[in-house]
């Protein structure tokens, strides 16, 4: 999934979650208007800030867990300030968060959250009339499960891809380093005159072999580094790149 696709999905899910949360807060009985207004502005403002972030931030390593943590803090604070939930609802909310962390698919997490919310309402109603504040808890928990499930799933997939790529790059680095290092060491020994019966043409050929091997090794290091850490722009006068830093180790 490219960055723009993930960005669009995260923003849509986040809007759905925060709109459901805002309606839940607005329809809370007995809540003070300043607390409701402050919470709604804070919820919607957080998504406006999210919309201003560049695409690359959405694929950063810590983006998904950070967003889950910030959302959990904002939701908990808003529900507590407005008195929109008691201990029982907080229990169901954090159960949905836990369900998101262990589930493999976000749609199953959302389904489990909806079922948990429906069961919670059935136990809570027991002869009483279900008002809007109670009914709105179902779509809110559904949106919470879907959003958190998506973020946790993407975080888990990114970690798995990074681990697999690191193992593959380690193996590839060893396979490339060994023959090239041997070629470089042997050609340098020949070029430095340790073999005395070489003609000038042979020495020139060995020097070319050595230069080509060094260039190929540097190219391989840059490519491997680009795969692991992203493309690095050439900066001859700037700081040493990771590929340049790794070059002595690869030669050895």
Foldseek 3Di string as FASTA:
>chain_A
DALVVLLVVLLVLLVLLLVLLLQLLVPAPPFDPVLSVVLNCVSVVVSVVSVPDDSVLSVDLCNLVVVVVVVVVSSVVSCVNRVSDDPVLVVLLVVLLVLLQPDQALQVSLVVQLVSLVVVVVVVCVPHDDDPSSVSSNSNSSSSSNSSNVSNNVSVVSVVVLVVLVVVLVVVLVVLLVVLLVLLVVLVCVLVCVDPPDDPVRNVVSVVSNVVSLVVLLVSLQVSCCVNPNHDDDDPPDDDDPSNVCSVVSND
